[in-house]
Structure formats: structure tokens, C-alpha cells
Amino acid sequence: MHATSELTSSKRVVLAARGIDKAYKRGPWPARRMLPVLADVNFSLRQGEVVGLVGENGSGKSTLMKILVGALAPDAGEVERAARLGYCPQTPQLYERLTCDEHFELFGHAYGIDSRREREARHSIYVALGFERYARVRVSQLSGGTVAKLNLGLALLADPDVLLLDEPYAGFDWDTYLRFWDLVAERRISGRSVLIISHFVADEERFDRILDLRDGRTVPR
């Protein structure tokens, strides 16, 4: 899936992080101290790119993702968003008493999608990820793998230009893992961008670029 540098550089930037710093207070009061997590993070994502951001647990990956989507404010730096974002968090934000269908309806309303378009998109997502038989099942009764599919499906619902995925395939079986990469490839072909944050990368050839998050900074691999 690697693109040539000339082709990649000709695409417009759809998401950029510049000089991002973030630190958290740690330790008991009054001896609390600031622990840096991100330090001058800089990177950009271009139209049609699939980029991996890899780091060990505790390296600040999820903190950076929350800053990118606007769920967390950085201590310094800025994020520029030039396209509509879809966000798949590492920990699903779901309602145990609602079914999969009801989640899609709720999120579709929040996205401002009309009912017909939402139903069509929902059906396509069910088929693509293979969990249509769970459409009327409550989240509390779903397996972890199906919850992961619903979590991803909700991020895909509005067909965003940029898809931000935090450990998206942690609960997938092999078949779903392959389906996931088929979806990513289709989005790339259509000019949409995908950023995948994970603690490991098994298939480097599926990415255009991979960045490592080390000591709070992004380093090209």
C-alpha cells in the first residue's frame, strides 16, 4: 500500500498537529509534579493516506488521539482539521441497554444524517463487518468482538473524510481483521484518510507511512 513520496506530497493536508505538548500531575499532594507525556509532537495526514502511529503502552498514544479529535486540550501547540473526522476510541462509548440498531439511529441523529441515508449506511456497515444478525441485540449481550465492530461502525456511519482509530482491531478475529483492511483499502482508494494508533503493527505494507511515538515525540520509521 506504499505510495510514492511525490504522489503523497501532492495531496492536501487534512489533519495536522504542530508543537503539541501535554503533561499530567502525578504523585501525592503536596509533592505532586508534572509528568510530560507529549513533547513537541508534529505530524500531518494527507488526503488518501493510511498512516500508523505506534507506541508502547503509556507512551501517550491515546492522549494524542484525544487531542486530535478535540476531546482534550493540549498544554501547547495546535491541531488543524481541514476535513470531517470520524473517531473510534479505544474504549467504546456505548449504552448497554441499547441495541446496535438503536446506536446507529442515535449516532445518525447526532451526525445530522437523514433516516434513509442512515439506514443505508448502517446496512452497508453490517455487511462489511459481518454482524447484521446482532442488529436488534442489546450491547450488554454482545461479545467483545461484536462490540468492537459496533464501535468501528459508528465511526464509519457519517462516511468521514478522516478516520481516527485507537487500537481498532484489538478484539477482532482473523476474518474481521481482513474485513477491516478491505474497508481501509476502499477508503484510501476513494481519497479518504485513515490514522491508526496501535501498540504494534503486523502488516507494515498496508500503510503509506508509520510513525513511532518515542519519548513524547513522533519519529518516522
C-alpha atoms as a PDB file:
ATOM      1  CA  MET A   1       0.000   0.000   0.000  1.00  0.00           C
ATOM      2  CA  HIS A   2       3.024   2.291  -0.025  1.00  0.00           C
ATOM      3  CA  ALA A   3       2.589   5.469  -2.092  1.00  0.00           C
ATOM      4  CA  THR A   4       5.423   7.326  -3.760  1.00  0.00           C
ATOM      5  CA  SER A   5       6.612  10.426  -1.921  1.00  0.00           C
ATOM      6  CA  GLU A   6       5.859  12.566  -4.967  1.00  0.00           C
ATOM      7  CA  LEU A   7       2.246  11.407  -5.130  1.00  0.00           C
ATOM      8  CA  THR A   8       1.739  11.745  -1.383  1.00  0.00           C
ATOM      9  CA  SER A   9       3.197  15.245  -1.241  1.00  0.00           C
ATOM     10  CA  SER A  10       0.769  16.406  -3.948  1.00  0.00           C
ATOM     11  CA  LYS A  11      -2.259  15.655  -1.767  1.00  0.00           C
ATOM     12  CA  ARG A  12      -3.729  18.287   0.542  1.00  0.00           C
ATOM     13  CA  VAL A  13      -3.201  18.080   4.291  1.00  0.00           C
ATOM     14  CA  VAL A  14      -6.442  17.115   6.055  1.00  0.00           C
ATOM     15  CA  LEU A  15      -5.103  16.921   9.627  1.00  0.00           C
ATOM     16  CA  ALA A  16      -2.001  18.459  11.194  1.00  0.00           C
ATOM     17  CA  ALA A  17      -0.520  18.598  14.688  1.00  0.00           C
ATOM     18  CA  ARG A  18       2.065  21.273  15.417  1.00  0.00           C
ATOM     19  CA  GLY A  19       4.131  21.565  18.590  1.00  0.00           C
ATOM     20  CA  ILE A  20       1.771  19.542  20.763  1.00  0.00           C
ATOM     21  CA  ASP A  21       2.776  19.341  24.440  1.00  0.00           C
ATOM     22  CA  LYS A  22       0.863  17.601  27.218  1.00  0.00           C
ATOM     23  CA  ALA A  23       1.767  16.824  30.826  1.00  0.00           C
ATOM     24  CA  TYR A  24      -0.171  15.403  33.776  1.00  0.00           C
ATOM     25  CA  LYS A  25       0.175  15.964  37.503  1.00  0.00           C
ATOM     26  CA  ARG A  26       1.398  12.863  39.302  1.00  0.00           C
ATOM     27  CA  GLY A  27       2.103  11.887  42.900  1.00  0.00           C
ATOM     28  CA  PRO A  28       0.507  12.747  46.250  1.00  0.00           C
ATOM     29  CA  TRP A  29      -0.130  16.318  47.331  1.00  0.00           C
ATOM     30  CA  PRO A  30       1.829  18.474  48.154  1.00  0.00           C
ATOM     31  CA  ALA A  31       4.711  16.779  46.361  1.00  0.00           C
ATOM     32  CA  ARG A  32       2.880  16.476  43.055  1.00  0.00           C
ATOM     33  CA  ARG A  33       4.947  17.011  39.942  1.00  0.00           C
ATOM     34  CA  MET A  34       4.263  17.440  36.250  1.00  0.00           C
ATOM     35  CA  LEU A  35       4.979  14.338  34.169  1.00  0.00           C
ATOM     36  CA  PRO A  36       5.451  15.136  30.442  1.00  0.00           C
ATOM     37  CA  VAL A  37       3.576  12.795  28.112  1.00  0.00           C
ATOM     38  CA  LEU A  38       3.824  14.581  24.753  1.00  0.00           C
ATOM     39  CA  ALA A  39       6.652  16.936  23.854  1.00  0.00           C
ATOM     40  CA  ASP A  40       6.576  18.983  20.635  1.00  0.00           C
ATOM     41  CA  VAL A  41       4.623  16.447  18.572  1.00  0.00           C
ATOM     42  CA  ASN A  42       4.492  17.346  14.881  1.00  0.00           C
ATOM     43  CA  PHE A  43       2.958  15.400  12.027  1.00  0.00           C
ATOM     44  CA  SER A  44       0.441  15.723   9.212  1.00  0.00           C
ATOM     45  CA  LEU A  45      -2.017  13.432   7.467  1.00  0.00           C
ATOM     46  CA  ARG A  46      -2.726  13.913   3.786  1.00  0.00           C
ATOM     47  CA  GLN A  47      -5.737  13.081   1.661  1.00  0.00           C
ATOM     48  CA  GLY A  48      -5.825   9.375   0.776  1.00  0.00           C
ATOM     49  CA  GLU A  49      -3.106   8.353   3.240  1.00  0.00           C
ATOM     50  CA  VAL A  50      -3.128   5.414   5.629  1.00  0.00           C
ATOM     51  CA  VAL A  51      -0.753   6.242   8.469  1.00  0.00           C
ATOM     52  CA  GLY A  52       0.152   4.181  11.532  1.00  0.00           C
ATOM     53  CA  LEU A  53       1.212   5.721  14.830  1.00  0.00           C
ATOM     54  CA  VAL A  54       2.893   3.106  17.008  1.00  0.00           C
ATOM     55  CA  GLY A  55       3.984   3.306  20.633  1.00  0.00           C
ATOM     56  CA  GLU A  56       4.278   1.246  23.776  1.00  0.00           C
ATOM     57  CA  ASN A  57       1.571   1.283  26.426  1.00  0.00           C
ATOM     58  CA  GLY A  58       1.815   4.546  28.333  1.00  0.00           C
ATOM     59  CA  SER A  59       3.607   6.345  25.519  1.00  0.00           C
ATOM     60  CA  GLY A  60       0.812   8.893  25.091  1.00  0.00           C
ATOM     61  CA  LYS A  61      -0.943   7.448  22.039  1.00  0.00           C
ATOM     62  CA  SER A  62      -4.475   7.759  23.364  1.00  0.00           C
ATOM     63  CA  THR A  63      -3.721  11.202  24.816  1.00  0.00           C
ATOM     64  CA  LEU A  64      -2.594  12.354  21.379  1.00  0.00           C
ATOM     65  CA  MET A  65      -5.688  10.872  19.734  1.00  0.00           C
ATOM     66  CA  LYS A  66      -7.990  12.691  22.156  1.00  0.00           C
ATOM     67  CA  ILE A  67      -6.175  15.954  21.376  1.00  0.00           C
ATOM     68  CA  LEU A  68      -6.501  15.338  17.634  1.00  0.00           C
ATOM     69  CA  VAL A  69     -10.274  14.906  17.851  1.00  0.00           C
ATOM     70  CA  GLY A  70     -10.716  17.818  20.241  1.00  0.00           C
ATOM     71  CA  ALA A  71     -11.715  15.781  23.309  1.00  0.00           C
ATOM     72  CA  LEU A  72      -8.662  17.001  25.240  1.00  0.00           C
ATOM     73  CA  ALA A  73      -6.850  20.339  25.130  1.00  0.00           C
ATOM     74  CA  PRO A  74      -3.060  20.387  24.677  1.00  0.00           C
ATOM     75  CA  ASP A  75      -0.866  22.414  27.016  1.00  0.00           C
ATOM     76  CA  ALA A  76       0.813  23.929  23.965  1.00  0.00           C
ATOM     77  CA  GLY A  77       0.607  23.650  20.198  1.00  0.00           C
ATOM     78  CA  GLU A  78      -2.329  23.423  17.820  1.00  0.00           C
ATOM     79  CA  VAL A  79      -4.303  20.992  15.695  1.00  0.00           C
ATOM     80  CA  GLU A  80      -5.634  21.945  12.270  1.00  0.00           C
ATOM     81  CA  ARG A  81      -8.578  19.960  10.927  1.00  0.00           C
ATOM     82  CA  ALA A  82      -9.459  20.507   7.272  1.00  0.00           C
ATOM     83  CA  ALA A  83     -11.966  17.683   6.905  1.00  0.00           C
ATOM     84  CA  ARG A  84     -14.749  15.860   8.728  1.00  0.00           C
ATOM     85  CA  LEU A  85     -13.442  13.413  11.326  1.00  0.00           C
ATOM     86  CA  GLY A  86     -14.691  10.007  12.448  1.00  0.00           C
ATOM     87  CA  TYR A  87     -13.352   8.741  15.770  1.00  0.00           C
ATOM     88  CA  CYS A  88     -13.174   5.180  17.058  1.00  0.00           C
ATOM     89  CA  PRO A  89     -11.987   5.334  20.699  1.00  0.00           C
ATOM     90  CA  GLN A  90     -10.064   2.509  22.332  1.00  0.00           C
ATOM     91  CA  THR A  91     -12.770   2.180  24.992  1.00  0.00           C
ATOM     92  CA  PRO A  92     -16.197   2.051  23.293  1.00  0.00           C
ATOM     93  CA  GLN A  93     -18.618   4.755  24.438  1.00  0.00           C
ATOM     94  CA  LEU A  94     -21.781   2.666  24.203  1.00  0.00           C
ATOM     95  CA  TYR A  95     -25.063   2.244  26.086  1.00  0.00           C
ATOM     96  CA  GLU A  96     -25.595  -1.262  27.450  1.00  0.00           C
ATOM     97  CA  ARG A  97     -29.391  -1.144  27.186  1.00  0.00           C
ATOM     98  CA  LEU A  98     -29.482  -0.048  23.537  1.00  0.00           C
ATOM     99  CA  THR A  99     -29.318  -2.393  20.561  1.00  0.00           C
ATOM    100  CA  CYS A 100     -26.915  -1.997  17.648  1.00  0.00           C
ATOM    101  CA  ASP A 101     -29.742  -0.556  15.519  1.00  0.00           C
ATOM    102  CA  GLU A 102     -30.608   1.938  18.235  1.00  0.00           C
ATOM    103  CA  HIS A 103     -26.976   3.044  18.477  1.00  0.00           C
ATOM    104  CA  PHE A 104     -26.841   3.716  14.748  1.00  0.00           C
ATOM    105  CA  GLU A 105     -30.106   5.676  14.925  1.00  0.00           C
ATOM    106  CA  LEU A 106     -28.847   7.719  17.872  1.00  0.00           C
ATOM    107  CA  PHE A 107     -25.474   8.490  16.304  1.00  0.00           C
ATOM    108  CA  GLY A 108     -27.094   9.204  12.939  1.00  0.00           C
ATOM    109  CA  HIS A 109     -29.287  11.818  14.596  1.00  0.00           C
ATOM    110  CA  ALA A 110     -26.233  13.336  16.294  1.00  0.00           C
ATOM    111  CA  TYR A 111     -24.404  13.487  12.948  1.00  0.00           C
ATOM    112  CA  GLY A 112     -27.419  15.136  11.308  1.00  0.00           C
ATOM    113  CA  ILE A 113     -27.940  12.275   8.845  1.00  0.00           C
ATOM    114  CA  ASP A 114     -31.459  11.758   7.467  1.00  0.00           C
ATOM    115  CA  SER A 115     -33.161   8.455   8.295  1.00  0.00           C
ATOM    116  CA  ARG A 116     -32.928   6.909   4.823  1.00  0.00           C
ATOM    117  CA  ARG A 117     -29.223   7.612   4.465  1.00  0.00           C
ATOM    118  CA  GLU A 118     -28.575   6.347   7.990  1.00  0.00           C
ATOM    119  CA  ARG A 119     -30.356   3.053   7.281  1.00  0.00           C
ATOM    120  CA  GLU A 120     -28.429   2.570   4.046  1.00  0.00           C
ATOM    121  CA  ALA A 121     -25.092   3.304   5.710  1.00  0.00           C
ATOM    122  CA  ARG A 122     -25.968   1.044   8.646  1.00  0.00           C
ATOM    123  CA  HIS A 123     -26.796  -1.866   6.319  1.00  0.00           C
ATOM    124  CA  SER A 124     -23.533  -1.423   4.394  1.00  0.00           C
ATOM    125  CA  ILE A 125     -21.546  -1.430   7.653  1.00  0.00           C
ATOM    126  CA  TYR A 126     -23.321  -4.540   8.936  1.00  0.00           C
ATOM    127  CA  VAL A 127     -22.498  -6.378   5.705  1.00  0.00           C
ATOM    128  CA  ALA A 128     -18.920  -5.136   5.509  1.00  0.00           C
ATOM    129  CA  LEU A 129     -18.087  -6.164   9.083  1.00  0.00           C
ATOM    130  CA  GLY A 130     -20.361  -9.213   9.237  1.00  0.00           C
ATOM    131  CA  PHE A 131     -22.590  -8.553  12.246  1.00  0.00           C
ATOM    132  CA  GLU A 132     -26.054  -7.875  10.830  1.00  0.00           C
ATOM    133  CA  ARG A 133     -27.562 -10.748  12.849  1.00  0.00           C
ATOM    134  CA  TYR A 134     -26.857  -8.715  16.006  1.00  0.00           C
ATOM    135  CA  ALA A 135     -28.777  -5.647  14.788  1.00  0.00           C
ATOM    136  CA  ARG A 136     -31.511  -5.985  17.450  1.00  0.00           C
ATOM    137  CA  VAL A 137     -29.296  -7.279  20.261  1.00  0.00           C
ATOM    138  CA  ARG A 138     -28.511  -5.095  23.250  1.00  0.00           C
ATOM    139  CA  VAL A 139     -24.884  -4.139  23.830  1.00  0.00           C
ATOM    140  CA  SER A 140     -24.933  -5.854  27.229  1.00  0.00           C
ATOM    141  CA  GLN A 141     -25.457  -9.170  25.418  1.00  0.00           C
ATOM    142  CA  LEU A 142     -22.754  -8.740  22.767  1.00  0.00           C
ATOM    143  CA  SER A 143     -19.330 -10.371  22.743  1.00  0.00           C
ATOM    144  CA  GLY A 144     -16.242  -8.174  22.952  1.00  0.00           C
ATOM    145  CA  GLY A 145     -15.550  -8.722  19.253  1.00  0.00           C
ATOM    146  CA  THR A 146     -19.030  -7.588  18.210  1.00  0.00           C
ATOM    147  CA  VAL A 147     -18.763  -4.549  20.484  1.00  0.00           C
ATOM    148  CA  ALA A 148     -15.520  -3.682  18.651  1.00  0.00           C
ATOM    149  CA  LYS A 149     -17.342  -3.963  15.311  1.00  0.00           C
ATOM    150  CA  LEU A 150     -20.130  -1.666  16.515  1.00  0.00           C
ATOM    151  CA  ASN A 151     -17.558   0.796  17.845  1.00  0.00           C
ATOM    152  CA  LEU A 152     -15.880   0.940  14.429  1.00  0.00           C
ATOM    153  CA  GLY A 153     -19.208   1.014  12.601  1.00  0.00           C
ATOM    154  CA  LEU A 154     -20.359   4.108  14.465  1.00  0.00           C
ATOM    155  CA  ALA A 155     -17.149   5.907  13.453  1.00  0.00           C
ATOM    156  CA  LEU A 156     -17.846   4.961   9.821  1.00  0.00           C
ATOM    157  CA  LEU A 157     -21.524   5.927   9.835  1.00  0.00           C
ATOM    158  CA  ALA A 158     -21.163   9.502   8.559  1.00  0.00           C
ATOM    159  CA  ASP A 159     -18.571   8.464   5.927  1.00  0.00           C
ATOM    160  CA  PRO A 160     -15.913  10.845   7.331  1.00  0.00           C
ATOM    161  CA  ASP A 161     -13.042  12.190   5.251  1.00  0.00           C
ATOM    162  CA  VAL A 162     -10.608  11.286   8.035  1.00  0.00           C
ATOM    163  CA  LEU A 163     -10.967   8.193  10.188  1.00  0.00           C
ATOM    164  CA  LEU A 164      -9.079   8.169  13.505  1.00  0.00           C
ATOM    165  CA  LEU A 165      -8.808   4.721  15.064  1.00  0.00           C
ATOM    166  CA  ASP A 166      -7.398   3.971  18.520  1.00  0.00           C
ATOM    167  CA  GLU A 167      -6.455   0.251  18.787  1.00  0.00           C
ATOM    168  CA  PRO A 168      -9.319  -0.617  16.389  1.00  0.00           C
ATOM    169  CA  TYR A 169      -8.677  -4.333  15.831  1.00  0.00           C
ATOM    170  CA  ALA A 170      -7.759  -5.438  19.364  1.00  0.00           C
ATOM    171  CA  GLY A 171     -10.926  -7.566  19.697  1.00  0.00           C
ATOM    172  CA  PHE A 172     -11.201  -8.801  16.092  1.00  0.00           C
ATOM    173  CA  ASP A 173     -10.973 -12.383  14.921  1.00  0.00           C
ATOM    174  CA  TRP A 174      -8.990 -13.133  11.749  1.00  0.00           C
ATOM    175  CA  ASP A 175     -11.973 -12.794   9.390  1.00  0.00           C
ATOM    176  CA  THR A 176     -12.937  -9.415  10.840  1.00  0.00           C
ATOM    177  CA  TYR A 177      -9.307  -8.285  10.720  1.00  0.00           C
ATOM    178  CA  LEU A 178      -9.251  -8.961   6.959  1.00  0.00           C
ATOM    179  CA  ARG A 179     -12.615  -7.248   6.508  1.00  0.00           C
ATOM    180  CA  PHE A 180     -11.232  -4.250   8.385  1.00  0.00           C
ATOM    181  CA  TRP A 181      -8.311  -3.899   5.982  1.00  0.00           C
ATOM    182  CA  ASP A 182     -10.625  -4.237   2.983  1.00  0.00           C
ATOM    183  CA  LEU A 183     -12.571  -1.255   4.356  1.00  0.00           C
ATOM    184  CA  VAL A 184      -9.378   0.731   4.884  1.00  0.00           C
ATOM    185  CA  ALA A 185      -8.226  -0.010   1.325  1.00  0.00           C
ATOM    186  CA  GLU A 186     -11.585   1.100  -0.092  1.00  0.00           C
ATOM    187  CA  ARG A 187     -11.431   4.355   1.826  1.00  0.00           C
ATOM    188  CA  ARG A 188      -7.915   5.034   0.638  1.00  0.00           C
ATOM    189  CA  ILE A 189      -8.920   4.459  -2.997  1.00  0.00           C
ATOM    190  CA  SER A 190     -11.805   6.922  -2.585  1.00  0.00           C
ATOM    191  CA  GLY A 191      -9.401   9.609  -1.317  1.00  0.00           C
ATOM    192  CA  ARG A 192     -10.228   9.319   2.362  1.00  0.00           C
ATOM    193  CA  SER A 193      -7.571   9.191   5.061  1.00  0.00           C
ATOM    194  CA  VAL A 194      -7.047   6.817   7.976  1.00  0.00           C
ATOM    195  CA  LEU A 195      -4.858   7.217  11.063  1.00  0.00           C
ATOM    196  CA  ILE A 196      -4.421   4.046  13.110  1.00  0.00           C
ATOM    197  CA  ILE A 197      -2.912   4.232  16.573  1.00  0.00           C
ATOM    198  CA  SER A 198      -1.700   0.926  17.993  1.00  0.00           C
ATOM    199  CA  HIS A 199       0.959  -0.609  20.226  1.00  0.00           C
ATOM    200  CA  PHE A 200       2.074  -2.883  17.377  1.00  0.00           C
ATOM    201  CA  VAL A 201       1.949  -3.155  13.564  1.00  0.00           C
ATOM    202  CA  ALA A 202       1.843  -6.605  11.989  1.00  0.00           C
ATOM    203  CA  ASP A 203       1.359  -5.664   8.326  1.00  0.00           C
ATOM    204  CA  GLU A 204       3.571  -2.687   7.550  1.00  0.00           C
ATOM    205  CA  GLU A 205       2.897  -2.975   3.810  1.00  0.00           C
ATOM    206  CA  ARG A 206      -0.696  -1.904   4.391  1.00  0.00           C
ATOM    207  CA  PHE A 207       0.419   1.581   5.494  1.00  0.00           C
ATOM    208  CA  ASP A 208       1.746   4.518   3.481  1.00  0.00           C
ATOM    209  CA  ARG A 209       3.773   5.684   6.480  1.00  0.00           C
ATOM    210  CA  ILE A 210       4.430   4.557  10.028  1.00  0.00           C
ATOM    211  CA  LEU A 211       5.426   6.881  12.844  1.00  0.00           C
ATOM    212  CA  ASP A 212       6.787   5.775  16.202  1.00  0.00           C
ATOM    213  CA  LEU A 213       5.867   7.692  19.349  1.00  0.00           C
ATOM    214  CA  ARG A 214       9.034   7.784  21.469  1.00  0.00           C
ATOM    215  CA  ASP A 215       9.790   9.961  24.464  1.00  0.00           C
ATOM    216  CA  GLY A 216       6.722  12.021  23.668  1.00  0.00           C
ATOM    217  CA  ARG A 217       7.725  12.747  20.047  1.00  0.00           C
ATOM    218  CA  THR A 218       6.791  11.281  16.658  1.00  0.00           C
ATOM    219  CA  VAL A 219       9.672   9.671  14.770  1.00  0.00           C
ATOM    220  CA  PRO A 220       9.348   8.406  11.160  1.00  0.00           C
ATOM    221  CA  ARG A 221      10.088   4.711  10.838  1.00  0.00           C
END
